[in-house]
Amino acid sequence: MDAESWSTEEMMRLAASGVAKVDRLGPRGTTLCSMDEIAAMAAVVALSGLLPAPEQTQEPGEAPIFRTRRTAHGT
């Protein structure tokens, strides 16, 4: 299924299904989520407005830079 063709109801259904798996099964549930469920969860979070706006935009085809709080030693 193509995320661009989802209705709001379909996106919410997929996101809720993924969240339910994680909620019920914890770490094991994360391994059972489909790619569509993961994309839908990310879309719901992004569209909610709860996250800050990206600091900079990417050019098409440019690899994203992911910033984490981990150090080089994984702590």
Protein backbone atom coordinates (compact mmCIF):
# COMPACT_ATOMS: atom_id res chain seq x y z
CA MET A 1 0.00 0.00 0.00
CA ASP A 2 1.28 3.46 -0.89
CA ALA A 3 1.37 5.91 2.01
CA GLU A 4 0.50 8.79 -0.31
CA SER A 5 -2.85 7.14 -1.10
CA TRP A 6 -3.90 6.55 2.53
CA SER A 7 -7.06 8.17 3.77
CA THR A 8 -6.89 9.72 7.22
CA GLU A 9 -8.89 6.78 8.54
CA GLU A 10 -6.50 4.23 7.00
CA MET A 11 -3.44 6.05 8.37
CA MET A 12 -4.98 6.14 11.84
CA ARG A 13 -5.99 2.46 11.63
CA LEU A 14 -2.47 1.41 10.65
CA ALA A 15 -0.86 3.61 13.31
CA ALA A 16 -3.21 2.29 16.00
CA SER A 17 -2.47 -1.29 14.96
CA GLY A 18 1.28 -0.71 15.30
CA VAL A 19 0.93 1.06 18.64
CA ALA A 20 -1.27 -1.77 19.96
CA LYS A 21 1.40 -4.35 19.07
CA VAL A 22 4.08 -2.39 20.92
CA ASP A 23 1.77 -1.68 23.86
CA ARG A 24 0.73 -5.33 24.26
CA LEU A 25 4.04 -7.04 23.52
CA GLY A 26 6.72 -4.46 24.33
CA PRO A 27 10.03 -4.96 22.50
CA ARG A 28 8.69 -8.06 20.76
CA GLY A 29 5.82 -5.97 19.38
CA THR A 30 8.26 -3.65 17.65
CA THR A 31 9.50 -6.56 15.55
CA LEU A 32 5.96 -7.43 14.49
CA CYS A 33 5.04 -4.00 13.08
CA SER A 34 4.69 -3.79 9.32
CA MET A 35 6.45 -1.10 7.30
CA ASP A 36 3.05 0.51 6.67
CA GLU A 37 2.30 0.58 10.39
CA ILE A 38 5.67 2.18 11.11
CA ALA A 39 5.20 4.77 8.36
CA ALA A 40 1.69 5.52 9.62
CA MET A 41 2.93 5.95 13.20
CA ALA A 42 5.64 8.33 11.99
CA ALA A 43 3.11 10.27 9.90
CA VAL A 44 0.73 10.65 12.84
CA VAL A 45 3.55 11.89 15.07
CA ALA A 46 4.80 14.31 12.41
CA LEU A 47 1.33 15.63 11.61
CA SER A 48 0.47 16.06 15.30
CA GLY A 49 2.75 19.09 15.52
CA LEU A 50 4.38 17.79 18.70
CA LEU A 51 7.85 17.65 17.19
CA PRO A 52 9.98 20.72 16.51
CA ALA A 53 10.37 21.75 12.89
CA PRO A 54 13.48 20.33 11.19
CA GLU A 55 16.51 22.59 11.50
CA GLN A 56 17.27 22.42 7.82
CA THR A 57 15.73 20.91 4.76
CA GLN A 58 17.38 18.28 2.61
CA GLU A 59 17.90 18.43 -1.09
CA PRO A 60 16.18 15.64 -3.04
CA GLY A 61 18.35 12.52 -3.01
CA GLU A 62 20.51 13.78 -0.14
CA ALA A 63 21.07 11.31 2.70
CA PRO A 64 19.56 12.44 6.02
CA ILE A 65 21.73 13.15 9.04
CA PHE A 66 20.34 11.60 12.21
CA ARG A 67 21.34 13.29 15.42
CA THR A 68 21.26 11.21 18.58
CA ARG A 69 22.43 11.69 22.13
CA ARG A 70 24.66 8.63 22.03
CA THR A 71 28.39 9.05 22.31
CA ALA A 72 30.97 7.28 20.20
CA HIS A 73 31.08 4.56 22.86
CA GLY A 74 27.31 3.87 22.74
CA THR A 75 26.52 5.36 26.15
